[in-house]
């Protein structure tokens, strides 16, 4: 996907929040279900730089509200979302 979209990722990790190093990232992408995203969103926030982008996907459209509300409590601003066959992806921005 990275090559197809003409992007370069410096670090791609597979696993739970425990595998995320104590570093700062400009962007984090997570594709998993709502419950795991809710459990891990604090860690994503910790690792994002100010102005960093958080992309979440792999959840149902009806879960967008709770994910957005949780993100808001962490100073992550909703930017936009896309829906395909009830599957949802959303972009948040970490406020500086």
PDB file of N, CA and C in Angstrom:
ATOM      1  N   UNK A   1       0.819  -1.195   0.000  1.00  0.00           N
ATOM      2  CA  UNK A   1       0.000   0.000   0.000  1.00  0.00           C
ATOM      3  C   UNK A   1       0.860   1.256   0.000  1.00  0.00           C
ATOM      4  N   UNK A   2       1.950   1.216   0.731  1.00  0.00           N
ATOM      5  CA  UNK A   2       2.835   2.373   0.778  1.00  0.00           C
ATOM      6  C   UNK A   2       3.361   2.720  -0.613  1.00  0.00           C
ATOM      7  N   UNK A   3       3.829   1.722  -1.328  1.00  0.00           N
ATOM      8  CA  UNK A   3       4.334   1.967  -2.682  1.00  0.00           C
ATOM      9  C   UNK A   3       3.229   2.430  -3.625  1.00  0.00           C
ATOM     10  N   UNK A   4       2.058   1.812  -3.528  1.00  0.00           N
ATOM     11  CA  UNK A   4       0.947   2.173  -4.411  1.00  0.00           C
ATOM     12  C   UNK A   4       0.495   3.617  -4.203  1.00  0.00           C
ATOM     13  N   UNK A   5       0.631   4.101  -2.975  1.00  0.00           N
ATOM     14  CA  UNK A   5       0.180   5.461  -2.666  1.00  0.00           C
ATOM     15  C   UNK A   5       1.311   6.471  -2.622  1.00  0.00           C
ATOM     16  N   UNK A   6       2.471   6.046  -3.077  1.00  0.00           N
ATOM     17  CA  UNK A   6       3.619   6.943  -3.155  1.00  0.00           C
ATOM     18  C   UNK A   6       3.981   7.557  -1.807  1.00  0.00           C
ATOM     19  N   UNK A   7       3.968   6.746  -0.762  1.00  0.00           N
ATOM     20  CA  UNK A   7       4.339   7.222   0.563  1.00  0.00           C
ATOM     21  C   UNK A   7       5.483   6.376   1.097  1.00  0.00           C
ATOM     22  N   UNK A   8       6.185   6.925   2.051  1.00  0.00           N
ATOM     23  CA  UNK A   8       7.290   6.211   2.673  1.00  0.00           C
ATOM     24  C   UNK A   8       7.091   6.235   4.180  1.00  0.00           C
ATOM     25  N   UNK A   9       7.050   5.077   4.782  1.00  0.00           N
ATOM     26  CA  UNK A   9       6.926   4.984   6.223  1.00  0.00           C
ATOM     27  C   UNK A   9       8.271   4.576   6.798  1.00  0.00           C
ATOM     28  N   UNK A  10       8.719   5.307   7.809  1.00  0.00           N
ATOM     29  CA  UNK A  10       9.995   5.001   8.445  1.00  0.00           C
ATOM     30  C   UNK A  10       9.897   3.810   9.381  1.00  0.00           C
ATOM     31  N   UNK A  11       8.714   3.567   9.926  1.00  0.00           N
ATOM     32  CA  UNK A  11       8.583   2.529  10.922  1.00  0.00           C
ATOM     33  C   UNK A  11       7.180   1.931  10.858  1.00  0.00           C
ATOM     34  N   UNK A  12       7.099   0.676  10.500  1.00  0.00           N
ATOM     35  CA  UNK A  12       5.820  -0.008  10.475  1.00  0.00           C
ATOM     36  C   UNK A  12       5.867  -1.098  11.537  1.00  0.00           C
ATOM     37  N   UNK A  13       4.900  -1.084  12.450  1.00  0.00           N
ATOM     38  CA  UNK A  13       4.860  -2.042  13.550  1.00  0.00           C
ATOM     39  C   UNK A  13       3.608  -2.891  13.453  1.00  0.00           C
ATOM     40  N   UNK A  14       3.711  -4.118  13.852  1.00  0.00           N
ATOM     41  CA  UNK A  14       2.570  -5.007  13.913  1.00  0.00           C
ATOM     42  C   UNK A  14       2.469  -5.510  15.344  1.00  0.00           C
ATOM     43  N   UNK A  15       1.338  -5.263  15.972  1.00  0.00           N
ATOM     44  CA  UNK A  15       1.161  -5.695  17.348  1.00  0.00           C
ATOM     45  C   UNK A  15       0.299  -4.727  18.114  1.00  0.00           C
ATOM     46  N   UNK A  16       0.283  -4.881  19.422  1.00  0.00           N
ATOM     47  CA  UNK A  16      -0.531  -4.052  20.291  1.00  0.00           C
ATOM     48  C   UNK A  16       0.232  -2.802  20.724  1.00  0.00           C
ATOM     49  N   UNK A  17      -0.378  -2.009  21.575  1.00  0.00           N
ATOM     50  CA  UNK A  17       0.231  -0.747  22.009  1.00  0.00           C
ATOM     51  C   UNK A  17       1.567  -0.959  22.703  1.00  0.00           C
ATOM     52  N   UNK A  18       1.794  -2.145  23.237  1.00  0.00           N
ATOM     53  CA  UNK A  18       3.032  -2.433  23.935  1.00  0.00           C
ATOM     54  C   UNK A  18       4.246  -2.443  23.011  1.00  0.00           C
ATOM     55  N   UNK A  19       4.044  -2.621  21.709  1.00  0.00           N
ATOM     56  CA  UNK A  19       5.175  -2.658  20.779  1.00  0.00           C
ATOM     57  C   UNK A  19       5.562  -1.265  20.272  1.00  0.00           C
ATOM     58  N   UNK A  20       4.793  -0.255  20.619  1.00  0.00           N
ATOM     59  CA  UNK A  20       5.099   1.106  20.156  1.00  0.00           C
ATOM     60  C   UNK A  20       6.226   1.671  21.017  1.00  0.00           C
ATOM     61  N   UNK A  21       7.368   1.983  20.400  1.00  0.00           N
ATOM     62  CA  UNK A  21       8.489   2.534  21.167  1.00  0.00           C
ATOM     63  C   UNK A  21       8.156   3.909  21.734  1.00  0.00           C
ATOM     64  N   UNK A  22       8.908   4.312  22.727  1.00  0.00           N
ATOM     65  CA  UNK A  22       8.743   5.639  23.326  1.00  0.00           C
ATOM     66  C   UNK A  22       9.411   6.680  22.436  1.00  0.00           C
ATOM     67  N   UNK A  23       8.816   6.885  21.287  1.00  0.00           N
ATOM     68  CA  UNK A  23       9.287   7.875  20.311  1.00  0.00           C
ATOM     69  C   UNK A  23       8.099   8.712  19.891  1.00  0.00           C
ATOM     70  N   UNK A  24       8.386   9.767  19.151  1.00  0.00           N
ATOM     71  CA  UNK A  24       7.345  10.632  18.614  1.00  0.00           C
ATOM     72  C   UNK A  24       7.218  10.399  17.117  1.00  0.00           C
ATOM     73  N   UNK A  25       5.971  10.384  16.646  1.00  0.00           N
ATOM     74  CA  UNK A  25       5.681  10.132  15.236  1.00  0.00           C
ATOM     75  C   UNK A  25       4.800  11.238  14.677  1.00  0.00           C
ATOM     76  N   UNK A  26       5.009  11.540  13.402  1.00  0.00           N
ATOM     77  CA  UNK A  26       4.175  12.530  12.712  1.00  0.00           C
ATOM     78  C   UNK A  26       2.823  11.956  12.322  1.00  0.00           C
ATOM     79  N   UNK A  27       2.769  10.642  12.147  1.00  0.00           N
ATOM     80  CA  UNK A  27       1.517   9.984  11.758  1.00  0.00           C
ATOM     81  C   UNK A  27       1.486   8.576  12.338  1.00  0.00           C
ATOM     82  N   UNK A  28       0.293   8.174  12.754  1.00  0.00           N
ATOM     83  CA  UNK A  28       0.056   6.817  13.225  1.00  0.00           C
ATOM     84  C   UNK A  28      -1.188   6.306  12.529  1.00  0.00           C
ATOM     85  N   UNK A  29      -1.101   5.068  12.032  1.00  0.00           N
ATOM     86  CA  UNK A  29      -2.234   4.413  11.378  1.00  0.00           C
ATOM     87  C   UNK A  29      -2.560   3.155  12.169  1.00  0.00           C
ATOM     88  N   UNK A  30      -3.819   2.975  12.499  1.00  0.00           N
ATOM     89  CA  UNK A  30      -4.248   1.776  13.227  1.00  0.00           C
ATOM     90  C   UNK A  30      -5.509   1.235  12.579  1.00  0.00           C
ATOM     91  N   UNK A  31      -5.491  -0.034  12.244  1.00  0.00           N
ATOM     92  CA  UNK A  31      -6.617  -0.674  11.569  1.00  0.00           C
ATOM     93  C   UNK A  31      -7.028  -1.893  12.386  1.00  0.00           C
ATOM     94  N   UNK A  32      -8.046  -1.712  13.222  1.00  0.00           N
ATOM     95  CA  UNK A  32      -8.519  -2.796  14.085  1.00  0.00           C
ATOM     96  C   UNK A  32      -9.914  -2.411  14.573  1.00  0.00           C
ATOM     97  N   UNK A  33     -10.519  -3.204  15.408  1.00  0.00           N
ATOM     98  CA  UNK A  33     -11.897  -2.935  15.821  1.00  0.00           C
ATOM     99  C   UNK A  33     -12.014  -1.820  16.869  1.00  0.00           C
ATOM    100  N   UNK A  34     -13.232  -1.369  17.076  1.00  0.00           N
ATOM    101  CA  UNK A  34     -13.519  -0.251  17.977  1.00  0.00           C
ATOM    102  C   UNK A  34     -12.962  -0.448  19.378  1.00  0.00           C
ATOM    103  N   UNK A  35     -13.182  -1.599  19.978  1.00  0.00           N
ATOM    104  CA  UNK A  35     -12.760  -1.795  21.364  1.00  0.00           C
ATOM    105  C   UNK A  35     -11.251  -1.692  21.529  1.00  0.00           C
ATOM    106  N   UNK A  36     -10.523  -2.243  20.607  1.00  0.00           N
ATOM    107  CA  UNK A  36      -9.065  -2.150  20.699  1.00  0.00           C
ATOM    108  C   UNK A  36      -8.602  -0.732  20.413  1.00  0.00           C
ATOM    109  N   UNK A  37      -9.205  -0.064  19.447  1.00  0.00           N
ATOM    110  CA  UNK A  37      -8.852   1.337  19.184  1.00  0.00           C
ATOM    111  C   UNK A  37      -9.099   2.199  20.420  1.00  0.00           C
ATOM    112  N   UNK A  38     -10.224   1.989  21.096  1.00  0.00           N
ATOM    113  CA  UNK A  38     -10.520   2.756  22.310  1.00  0.00           C
ATOM    114  C   UNK A  38      -9.500   2.459  23.403  1.00  0.00           C
ATOM    115  N   UNK A  39      -9.087   1.220  23.518  1.00  0.00           N
ATOM    116  CA  UNK A  39      -8.089   0.845  24.516  1.00  0.00           C
ATOM    117  C   UNK A  39      -6.724   1.462  24.221  1.00  0.00           C
ATOM    118  N   UNK A  40      -6.392   1.608  22.957  1.00  0.00           N
ATOM    119  CA  UNK A  40      -5.043   2.027  22.583  1.00  0.00           C
ATOM    120  C   UNK A  40      -4.906   3.504  22.221  1.00  0.00           C
ATOM    121  N   UNK A  41      -6.000   4.228  22.122  1.00  0.00           N
ATOM    122  CA  UNK A  41      -5.935   5.601  21.629  1.00  0.00           C
ATOM    123  C   UNK A  41      -5.087   6.509  22.528  1.00  0.00           C
ATOM    124  N   UNK A  42      -5.066   6.237  23.827  1.00  0.00           N
ATOM    125  CA  UNK A  42      -4.200   7.032  24.724  1.00  0.00           C
ATOM    126  C   UNK A  42      -2.733   6.905  24.310  1.00  0.00           C
ATOM    127  N   UNK A  43      -2.330   5.686  23.997  1.00  0.00           N
ATOM    128  CA  UNK A  43      -0.929   5.441  23.596  1.00  0.00           C
ATOM    129  C   UNK A  43      -0.617   6.122  22.269  1.00  0.00           C
ATOM    130  N   UNK A  44      -1.544   6.063  21.343  1.00  0.00           N
ATOM    131  CA  UNK A  44      -1.331   6.756  20.072  1.00  0.00           C
ATOM    132  C   UNK A  44      -1.130   8.247  20.324  1.00  0.00           C
ATOM    133  N   UNK A  45      -1.956   8.815  21.184  1.00  0.00           N
ATOM    134  CA  UNK A  45      -1.855  10.231  21.518  1.00  0.00           C
ATOM    135  C   UNK A  45      -0.494  10.562  22.115  1.00  0.00           C
ATOM    136  N   UNK A  46      -0.032   9.730  23.043  1.00  0.00           N
ATOM    137  CA  UNK A  46       1.276   9.951  23.681  1.00  0.00           C
ATOM    138  C   UNK A  46       2.402  10.005  22.660  1.00  0.00           C
ATOM    139  N   UNK A  47       2.301   9.199  21.618  1.00  0.00           N
ATOM    140  CA  UNK A  47       3.393   9.059  20.653  1.00  0.00           C
ATOM    141  C   UNK A  47       3.294  10.009  19.465  1.00  0.00           C
ATOM    142  N   UNK A  48       2.227  10.770  19.370  1.00  0.00           N
ATOM    143  CA  UNK A  48       2.080  11.713  18.254  1.00  0.00           C
ATOM    144  C   UNK A  48       2.743  13.040  18.569  1.00  0.00           C
ATOM    145  N   UNK A  49       3.429  13.604  17.600  1.00  0.00           N
ATOM    146  CA  UNK A  49       3.954  14.951  17.741  1.00  0.00           C
ATOM    147  C   UNK A  49       2.797  15.941  17.693  1.00  0.00           C
ATOM    148  N   UNK A  50       3.014  17.145  18.161  1.00  0.00           N
ATOM    149  CA  UNK A  50       2.020  18.200  18.007  1.00  0.00           C
ATOM    150  C   UNK A  50       1.775  18.424  16.526  1.00  0.00           C
ATOM    151  N   UNK A  51       0.535  18.448  16.126  1.00  0.00           N
ATOM    152  CA  UNK A  51       0.194  18.552  14.709  1.00  0.00           C
ATOM    153  C   UNK A  51       0.219  17.211  13.990  1.00  0.00           C
ATOM    154  N   UNK A  52       0.501  16.130  14.733  1.00  0.00           N
ATOM    155  CA  UNK A  52       0.561  14.796  14.137  1.00  0.00           C
ATOM    156  C   UNK A  52      -0.817  14.296  13.736  1.00  0.00           C
ATOM    157  N   UNK A  53      -0.836  13.376  12.785  1.00  0.00           N
ATOM    158  CA  UNK A  53      -2.072  12.839  12.230  1.00  0.00           C
ATOM    159  C   UNK A  53      -2.306  11.416  12.721  1.00  0.00           C
ATOM    160  N   UNK A  54      -3.527  11.140  13.157  1.00  0.00           N
ATOM    161  CA  UNK A  54      -3.922   9.808  13.593  1.00  0.00           C
ATOM    162  C   UNK A  54      -5.017   9.310  12.666  1.00  0.00           C
ATOM    163  N   UNK A  55      -4.772   8.165  12.037  1.00  0.00           N
ATOM    164  CA  UNK A  55      -5.728   7.545  11.134  1.00  0.00           C
ATOM    165  C   UNK A  55      -6.204   6.239  11.761  1.00  0.00           C
ATOM    166  N   UNK A  56      -7.492   6.121  11.965  1.00  0.00           N
ATOM    167  CA  UNK A  56      -8.077   4.908  12.526  1.00  0.00           C
ATOM    168  C   UNK A  56      -9.028   4.309  11.502  1.00  0.00           C
ATOM    169  N   UNK A  57      -8.997   2.990  11.368  1.00  0.00           N
ATOM    170  CA  UNK A  57      -9.918   2.313  10.457  1.00  0.00           C
ATOM    171  C   UNK A  57     -10.179   0.906  10.972  1.00  0.00           C
ATOM    172  N   UNK A  58     -11.104   0.218  10.289  1.00  0.00           N
ATOM    173  CA  UNK A  58     -11.431  -1.150  10.664  1.00  0.00           C
ATOM    174  C   UNK A  58     -12.594  -1.248  11.626  1.00  0.00           C
ATOM    175  N   UNK A  59     -13.381  -0.190  11.725  1.00  0.00           N
ATOM    176  CA  UNK A  59     -14.525  -0.186  12.633  1.00  0.00           C
ATOM    177  C   UNK A  59     -15.784   0.184  11.859  1.00  0.00           C
ATOM    178  N   UNK A  60     -16.919  -0.036  12.481  1.00  0.00           N
ATOM    179  CA  UNK A  60     -18.195   0.236  11.834  1.00  0.00           C
ATOM    180  C   UNK A  60     -18.581   1.714  11.943  1.00  0.00           C
ATOM    181  N   UNK A  61     -19.358   2.151  10.993  1.00  0.00           N
ATOM    182  CA  UNK A  61     -19.812   3.544  10.933  1.00  0.00           C
ATOM    183  C   UNK A  61     -20.434   4.000  12.253  1.00  0.00           C
ATOM    184  N   UNK A  62     -21.227   3.129  12.897  1.00  0.00           N
ATOM    185  CA  UNK A  62     -21.899   3.524  14.132  1.00  0.00           C
ATOM    186  C   UNK A  62     -20.927   3.731  15.304  1.00  0.00           C
ATOM    187  N   UNK A  63     -19.677   3.297  15.153  1.00  0.00           N
ATOM    188  CA  UNK A  63     -18.670   3.478  16.200  1.00  0.00           C
ATOM    189  C   UNK A  63     -17.920   4.800  16.078  1.00  0.00           C
ATOM    190  N   UNK A  64     -18.167   5.535  15.016  1.00  0.00           N
ATOM    191  CA  UNK A  64     -17.463   6.795  14.792  1.00  0.00           C
ATOM    192  C   UNK A  64     -17.711   7.789  15.924  1.00  0.00           C
ATOM    193  N   UNK A  65     -18.925   7.866  16.427  1.00  0.00           N
ATOM    194  CA  UNK A  65     -19.246   8.842  17.469  1.00  0.00           C
ATOM    195  C   UNK A  65     -18.420   8.610  18.726  1.00  0.00           C
ATOM    196  N   UNK A  66     -18.377   7.383  19.226  1.00  0.00           N
ATOM    197  CA  UNK A  66     -17.633   7.129  20.458  1.00  0.00           C
ATOM    198  C   UNK A  66     -16.134   7.312  20.261  1.00  0.00           C
ATOM    199  N   UNK A  67     -15.623   6.947  19.095  1.00  0.00           N
ATOM    200  CA  UNK A  67     -14.201   7.166  18.836  1.00  0.00           C
ATOM    201  C   UNK A  67     -13.893   8.659  18.757  1.00  0.00           C
ATOM    202  N   UNK A  68     -14.757   9.424  18.123  1.00  0.00           N
ATOM    203  CA  UNK A  68     -14.551  10.875  18.021  1.00  0.00           C
ATOM    204  C   UNK A  68     -14.652  11.551  19.382  1.00  0.00           C
ATOM    205  N   UNK A  69     -15.602  11.120  20.194  1.00  0.00           N
ATOM    206  CA  UNK A  69     -15.744  11.691  21.535  1.00  0.00           C
ATOM    207  C   UNK A  69     -14.517  11.393  22.392  1.00  0.00           C
ATOM    208  N   UNK A  70     -14.022  10.181  22.322  1.00  0.00           N
ATOM    209  CA  UNK A  70     -12.830   9.810  23.078  1.00  0.00           C
ATOM    210  C   UNK A  70     -11.621  10.590  22.585  1.00  0.00           C
ATOM    211  N   UNK A  71     -11.464  10.697  21.281  1.00  0.00           N
ATOM    212  CA  UNK A  71     -10.353  11.456  20.711  1.00  0.00           C
ATOM    213  C   UNK A  71     -10.396  12.910  21.171  1.00  0.00           C
ATOM    214  N   UNK A  72     -11.571  13.470  21.231  1.00  0.00           N
ATOM    215  CA  UNK A  72     -11.737  14.860  21.649  1.00  0.00           C
ATOM    216  C   UNK A  72     -11.221  15.085  23.063  1.00  0.00           C
ATOM    217  N   UNK A  73     -11.425  14.121  23.956  1.00  0.00           N
ATOM    218  CA  UNK A  73     -10.945  14.269  25.341  1.00  0.00           C
ATOM    219  C   UNK A  73      -9.425  14.252  25.405  1.00  0.00           C
ATOM    220  N   UNK A  74      -8.780  13.783  24.357  1.00  0.00           N
ATOM    221  CA  UNK A  74      -7.315  13.719  24.306  1.00  0.00           C
ATOM    222  C   UNK A  74      -6.712  14.840  23.467  1.00  0.00           C
ATOM    223  N   UNK A  75      -7.519  15.834  23.139  1.00  0.00           N
ATOM    224  CA  UNK A  75      -7.056  16.955  22.331  1.00  0.00           C
ATOM    225  C   UNK A  75      -6.708  16.527  20.902  1.00  0.00           C
ATOM    226  N   UNK A  76      -7.435  15.532  20.419  1.00  0.00           N
ATOM    227  CA  UNK A  76      -7.327  15.100  19.028  1.00  0.00           C
ATOM    228  C   UNK A  76      -8.560  15.602  18.293  1.00  0.00           C
ATOM    229  N   UNK A  77      -8.358  16.436  17.311  1.00  0.00           N
ATOM    230  CA  UNK A  77      -9.465  17.047  16.582  1.00  0.00           C
ATOM    231  C   UNK A  77      -9.871  16.215  15.377  1.00  0.00           C
ATOM    232  N   UNK A  78     -11.162  16.034  15.222  1.00  0.00           N
ATOM    233  CA  UNK A  78     -11.714  15.352  14.057  1.00  0.00           C
ATOM    234  C   UNK A  78     -11.414  16.180  12.814  1.00  0.00           C
ATOM    235  N   UNK A  79     -10.959  15.509  11.750  1.00  0.00           N
ATOM    236  CA  UNK A  79     -10.704  16.175  10.480  1.00  0.00           C
ATOM    237  C   UNK A  79     -11.725  15.721   9.438  1.00  0.00           C
ATOM    238  N   UNK A  80     -11.793  14.399   9.198  1.00  0.00           N
ATOM    239  CA  UNK A  80     -12.748  13.870   8.225  1.00  0.00           C
ATOM    240  C   UNK A  80     -12.826  12.360   8.384  1.00  0.00           C
ATOM    241  N   UNK A  81     -13.821  11.791   7.725  1.00  0.00           N
ATOM    242  CA  UNK A  81     -13.947  10.333   7.712  1.00  0.00           C
ATOM    243  C   UNK A  81     -14.487   9.885   6.365  1.00  0.00           C
ATOM    244  N   UNK A  82     -14.325   8.583   6.105  1.00  0.00           N
ATOM    245  CA  UNK A  82     -14.858   7.962   4.892  1.00  0.00           C
ATOM    246  C   UNK A  82     -15.549   6.669   5.297  1.00  0.00           C
ATOM    247  N   UNK A  83     -16.579   6.334   4.541  1.00  0.00           N
ATOM    248  CA  UNK A  83     -17.347   5.116   4.807  1.00  0.00           C
ATOM    249  C   UNK A  83     -17.451   4.316   3.512  1.00  0.00           C
ATOM    250  N   UNK A  84     -17.266   2.997   3.645  1.00  0.00           N
ATOM    251  CA  UNK A  84     -17.441   2.080   2.524  1.00  0.00           C
ATOM    252  C   UNK A  84     -18.089   0.818   3.066  1.00  0.00           C
ATOM    253  N   UNK A  85     -19.309   0.549   2.627  1.00  0.00           N
ATOM    254  CA  UNK A  85     -20.045  -0.650   3.056  1.00  0.00           C
ATOM    255  C   UNK A  85     -20.112  -0.769   4.585  1.00  0.00           C
ATOM    256  N   UNK A  86     -20.401   0.312   5.265  1.00  0.00           N
ATOM    257  CA  UNK A  86     -20.523   0.422   6.717  1.00  0.00           C
ATOM    258  C   UNK A  86     -19.187   0.360   7.458  1.00  0.00           C
ATOM    259  N   UNK A  87     -18.075   0.147   6.748  1.00  0.00           N
ATOM    260  CA  UNK A  87     -16.753   0.228   7.360  1.00  0.00           C
ATOM    261  C   UNK A  87     -16.322   1.689   7.336  1.00  0.00           C
ATOM    262  N   UNK A  88     -15.627   2.105   8.371  1.00  0.00           N
ATOM    263  CA  UNK A  88     -15.289   3.511   8.514  1.00  0.00           C
ATOM    264  C   UNK A  88     -13.794   3.703   8.734  1.00  0.00           C
ATOM    265  N   UNK A  89     -13.293   4.831   8.256  1.00  0.00           N
ATOM    266  CA  UNK A  89     -11.938   5.293   8.516  1.00  0.00           C
ATOM    267  C   UNK A  89     -12.040   6.771   8.881  1.00  0.00           C
ATOM    268  N   UNK A  90     -11.206   7.204   9.823  1.00  0.00           N
ATOM    269  CA  UNK A  90     -11.287   8.581  10.288  1.00  0.00           C
ATOM    270  C   UNK A  90      -9.873   9.152  10.480  1.00  0.00           C
ATOM    271  N   UNK A  91      -9.779  10.447  10.288  1.00  0.00           N
ATOM    272  CA  UNK A  91      -8.517  11.161  10.494  1.00  0.00           C
ATOM    273  C   UNK A  91      -8.702  12.166  11.631  1.00  0.00           C
ATOM    274  N   UNK A  92      -7.753  12.151  12.569  1.00  0.00           N
ATOM    275  CA  UNK A  92      -7.705  13.127  13.657  1.00  0.00           C
ATOM    276  C   UNK A  92      -6.353  13.853  13.602  1.00  0.00           C
ATOM    277  N   UNK A  93      -6.338  15.036  14.165  1.00  0.00           N
ATOM    278  CA  UNK A  93      -5.127  15.850  14.224  1.00  0.00           C
ATOM    279  C   UNK A  93      -4.845  16.199  15.669  1.00  0.00           C
ATOM    280  N   UNK A  94      -3.609  15.962  16.130  1.00  0.00           N
ATOM    281  CA  UNK A  94      -3.240  16.306  17.503  1.00  0.00           C
ATOM    282  C   UNK A  94      -2.953  17.795  17.575  1.00  0.00           C
ATOM    283  N   UNK A  95      -3.649  18.466  18.455  1.00  0.00           N
ATOM    284  CA  UNK A  95      -3.450  19.897  18.620  1.00  0.00           C
ATOM    285  C   UNK A  95      -2.092  20.166  19.250  1.00  0.00           C
ATOM    286  N   UNK A  96      -1.479  21.268  18.849  1.00  0.00           N
ATOM    287  CA  UNK A  96      -0.150  21.614  19.371  1.00  0.00           C
ATOM    288  C   UNK A  96      -0.243  22.344  20.678  1.00  0.00           C
TER     289      UNK A  96
END
